[in-house]
């Protein structure tokens, strides 16, 4: 029986390592056959899912990390209100991430056996 894990990130994609650690954990869990993973990005964390990020050579890229987690079955929801506040559209999101709602976060929270926040 798979464990259901919800990871909620709030911090911006860069500047702190909280979102990086959230996405790292999501990717690691997604590769486990006994885990189902969902990631919800709130506030500045919605920037983690913007495709085509430009970062210094050798620096991690959260868009690629989220896409890799999605290839292993992780779902990523991005707060639509938070996206609007930052001028982000669904077209700018990396494959595997999508615009979502607080109602869906509520549903995912009730679905989860474990909720981890960053």
C-alpha atoms as a PDB file:
ATOM      1  CA  UNK A   1       0.000   0.000   0.000  1.00  0.00           C
ATOM      2  CA  UNK A   2       1.409   3.354  -1.049  1.00  0.00           C
ATOM      3  CA  UNK A   3       1.818   6.208   1.386  1.00  0.00           C
ATOM      4  CA  UNK A   4       0.371   9.502   0.285  1.00  0.00           C
ATOM      5  CA  UNK A   5       2.726  12.433   0.855  1.00  0.00           C
ATOM      6  CA  UNK A   6       1.888  16.083   0.320  1.00  0.00           C
ATOM      7  CA  UNK A   7       4.762  18.558   0.238  1.00  0.00           C
ATOM      8  CA  UNK A   8       3.899  22.251   0.567  1.00  0.00           C
ATOM      9  CA  UNK A   9       6.499  24.895  -0.322  1.00  0.00           C
ATOM     10  CA  UNK A  10       6.161  28.604   0.436  1.00  0.00           C
ATOM     11  CA  UNK A  11       9.597  30.137  -0.187  1.00  0.00           C
ATOM     12  CA  UNK A  12      10.931  31.642  -3.426  1.00  0.00           C
ATOM     13  CA  UNK A  13      12.812  29.323  -5.776  1.00  0.00           C
ATOM     14  CA  UNK A  14      16.184  30.879  -5.024  1.00  0.00           C
ATOM     15  CA  UNK A  15      17.644  32.874  -2.151  1.00  0.00           C
ATOM     16  CA  UNK A  16      16.888  30.254   0.489  1.00  0.00           C
ATOM     17  CA  UNK A  17      17.249  26.497   0.213  1.00  0.00           C
ATOM     18  CA  UNK A  18      13.779  25.628   1.539  1.00  0.00           C
ATOM     19  CA  UNK A  19      12.115  25.198  -1.854  1.00  0.00           C
ATOM     20  CA  UNK A  20      15.156  23.348  -3.190  1.00  0.00           C
ATOM     21  CA  UNK A  21      14.933  20.923  -0.273  1.00  0.00           C
ATOM     22  CA  UNK A  22      11.180  20.517  -0.788  1.00  0.00           C
ATOM     23  CA  UNK A  23      11.676  19.631  -4.455  1.00  0.00           C
ATOM     24  CA  UNK A  24      14.615  17.341  -3.644  1.00  0.00           C
ATOM     25  CA  UNK A  25      12.440  15.431  -1.182  1.00  0.00           C
ATOM     26  CA  UNK A  26       9.581  15.257  -3.689  1.00  0.00           C
ATOM     27  CA  UNK A  27      11.887  13.792  -6.328  1.00  0.00           C
ATOM     28  CA  UNK A  28      13.341  11.246  -3.937  1.00  0.00           C
ATOM     29  CA  UNK A  29       9.924  10.143  -2.711  1.00  0.00           C
ATOM     30  CA  UNK A  30       8.508  10.002  -6.250  1.00  0.00           C
ATOM     31  CA  UNK A  31      11.138   7.419  -7.168  1.00  0.00           C
ATOM     32  CA  UNK A  32       9.914   5.115  -4.384  1.00  0.00           C
ATOM     33  CA  UNK A  33       7.353   2.523  -5.442  1.00  0.00           C
ATOM     34  CA  UNK A  34       5.580   2.756  -2.076  1.00  0.00           C
ATOM     35  CA  UNK A  35       4.914   6.520  -2.211  1.00  0.00           C
ATOM     36  CA  UNK A  36       2.505   8.782  -4.069  1.00  0.00           C
ATOM     37  CA  UNK A  37       3.648  12.389  -4.029  1.00  0.00           C
ATOM     38  CA  UNK A  38       1.899  15.681  -4.559  1.00  0.00           C
ATOM     39  CA  UNK A  39       3.609  19.069  -4.349  1.00  0.00           C
ATOM     40  CA  UNK A  40       1.729  22.288  -3.767  1.00  0.00           C
ATOM     41  CA  UNK A  41       3.471  25.621  -4.354  1.00  0.00           C
ATOM     42  CA  UNK A  42       2.190  28.657  -2.460  1.00  0.00           C
ATOM     43  CA  UNK A  43       3.297  32.286  -2.421  1.00  0.00           C
ATOM     44  CA  UNK A  44       6.698  32.918  -3.958  1.00  0.00           C
ATOM     45  CA  UNK A  45       7.208  29.160  -4.362  1.00  0.00           C
ATOM     46  CA  UNK A  46       5.062  29.230  -7.534  1.00  0.00           C
ATOM     47  CA  UNK A  47       8.206  30.568  -9.226  1.00  0.00           C
ATOM     48  CA  UNK A  48       9.786  27.122  -8.780  1.00  0.00           C
ATOM     49  CA  UNK A  49       7.586  25.794 -11.580  1.00  0.00           C
ATOM     50  CA  UNK A  50       8.405  28.470 -14.182  1.00  0.00           C
ATOM     51  CA  UNK A  51      10.052  26.777 -17.151  1.00  0.00           C
ATOM     52  CA  UNK A  52      13.337  27.893 -18.690  1.00  0.00           C
ATOM     53  CA  UNK A  53      14.945  29.311 -15.575  1.00  0.00           C
ATOM     54  CA  UNK A  54      18.284  31.058 -16.058  1.00  0.00           C
ATOM     55  CA  UNK A  55      20.707  30.351 -13.225  1.00  0.00           C
ATOM     56  CA  UNK A  56      24.494  30.466 -12.840  1.00  0.00           C
ATOM     57  CA  UNK A  57      26.503  27.575 -14.297  1.00  0.00           C
ATOM     58  CA  UNK A  58      26.416  24.561 -11.990  1.00  0.00           C
ATOM     59  CA  UNK A  59      23.443  25.861  -9.964  1.00  0.00           C
ATOM     60  CA  UNK A  60      20.352  23.689  -9.441  1.00  0.00           C
ATOM     61  CA  UNK A  61      17.271  24.308 -11.616  1.00  0.00           C
ATOM     62  CA  UNK A  62      14.003  23.757  -9.818  1.00  0.00           C
ATOM     63  CA  UNK A  63      11.992  23.649 -13.049  1.00  0.00           C
ATOM     64  CA  UNK A  64      14.000  20.636 -14.228  1.00  0.00           C
ATOM     65  CA  UNK A  65      13.794  19.012 -10.803  1.00  0.00           C
ATOM     66  CA  UNK A  66       9.982  19.351 -10.737  1.00  0.00           C
ATOM     67  CA  UNK A  67       9.737  17.943 -14.269  1.00  0.00           C
ATOM     68  CA  UNK A  68      11.864  14.949 -13.218  1.00  0.00           C
ATOM     69  CA  UNK A  69       9.625  14.346 -10.192  1.00  0.00           C
ATOM     70  CA  UNK A  70       6.587  14.489 -12.507  1.00  0.00           C
ATOM     71  CA  UNK A  71       8.140  11.851 -14.772  1.00  0.00           C
ATOM     72  CA  UNK A  72       8.170   9.606 -11.700  1.00  0.00           C
ATOM     73  CA  UNK A  73       4.494  10.303 -10.981  1.00  0.00           C
ATOM     74  CA  UNK A  74       4.553  13.360  -8.697  1.00  0.00           C
ATOM     75  CA  UNK A  75       1.809  15.931  -9.225  1.00  0.00           C
ATOM     76  CA  UNK A  76       2.521  19.637  -8.806  1.00  0.00           C
ATOM     77  CA  UNK A  77      -0.169  22.208  -8.159  1.00  0.00           C
ATOM     78  CA  UNK A  78       0.522  25.946  -8.171  1.00  0.00           C
ATOM     79  CA  UNK A  79      -1.728  28.314  -6.244  1.00  0.00           C
ATOM     80  CA  UNK A  80      -3.674  30.236  -8.879  1.00  0.00           C
ATOM     81  CA  UNK A  81      -4.160  33.287  -6.664  1.00  0.00           C
ATOM     82  CA  UNK A  82      -0.415  33.348  -5.980  1.00  0.00           C
ATOM     83  CA  UNK A  83       0.293  33.031  -9.710  1.00  0.00           C
ATOM     84  CA  UNK A  84      -2.026  35.946 -10.482  1.00  0.00           C
ATOM     85  CA  UNK A  85      -0.325  38.100  -7.846  1.00  0.00           C
ATOM     86  CA  UNK A  86       2.997  37.468  -9.607  1.00  0.00           C
ATOM     87  CA  UNK A  87       1.742  37.799 -13.187  1.00  0.00           C
ATOM     88  CA  UNK A  88       2.330  34.124 -13.993  1.00  0.00           C
ATOM     89  CA  UNK A  89       0.231  32.205 -16.503  1.00  0.00           C
ATOM     90  CA  UNK A  90      -0.221  28.480 -16.889  1.00  0.00           C
ATOM     91  CA  UNK A  91       1.662  28.567 -20.191  1.00  0.00           C
ATOM     92  CA  UNK A  92       4.843  29.504 -18.330  1.00  0.00           C
ATOM     93  CA  UNK A  93       4.739  26.434 -16.081  1.00  0.00           C
ATOM     94  CA  UNK A  94       7.010  23.467 -16.562  1.00  0.00           C
ATOM     95  CA  UNK A  95       5.482  20.257 -17.870  1.00  0.00           C
ATOM     96  CA  UNK A  96       3.948  18.362 -14.976  1.00  0.00           C
ATOM     97  CA  UNK A  97       2.931  21.494 -13.048  1.00  0.00           C
ATOM     98  CA  UNK A  98      -0.404  23.215 -13.355  1.00  0.00           C
ATOM     99  CA  UNK A  99      -2.508  26.027 -11.973  1.00  0.00           C
ATOM    100  CA  UNK A 100      -4.479  24.882  -8.940  1.00  0.00           C
ATOM    101  CA  UNK A 101      -6.730  26.154  -6.155  1.00  0.00           C
ATOM    102  CA  UNK A 102      -6.999  26.292  -2.391  1.00  0.00           C
ATOM    103  CA  UNK A 103      -9.882  23.825  -2.669  1.00  0.00           C
ATOM    104  CA  UNK A 104      -7.570  21.334  -4.345  1.00  0.00           C
ATOM    105  CA  UNK A 105      -4.934  21.895  -1.649  1.00  0.00           C
ATOM    106  CA  UNK A 106      -7.671  21.135   0.879  1.00  0.00           C
ATOM    107  CA  UNK A 107      -8.543  17.915  -0.952  1.00  0.00           C
ATOM    108  CA  UNK A 108      -4.864  16.934  -1.179  1.00  0.00           C
ATOM    109  CA  UNK A 109      -4.398  17.599   2.533  1.00  0.00           C
ATOM    110  CA  UNK A 110      -7.251  15.224   3.351  1.00  0.00           C
ATOM    111  CA  UNK A 111      -5.813  12.653   0.887  1.00  0.00           C
ATOM    112  CA  UNK A 112      -2.354  12.740   2.473  1.00  0.00           C
ATOM    113  CA  UNK A 113      -1.039  10.380   5.120  1.00  0.00           C
ATOM    114  CA  UNK A 114       1.792  12.843   5.692  1.00  0.00           C
ATOM    115  CA  UNK A 115       2.037  16.591   5.058  1.00  0.00           C
ATOM    116  CA  UNK A 116       5.500  18.166   4.969  1.00  0.00           C
ATOM    117  CA  UNK A 117       5.859  21.940   4.757  1.00  0.00           C
ATOM    118  CA  UNK A 118       8.863  24.008   3.743  1.00  0.00           C
END
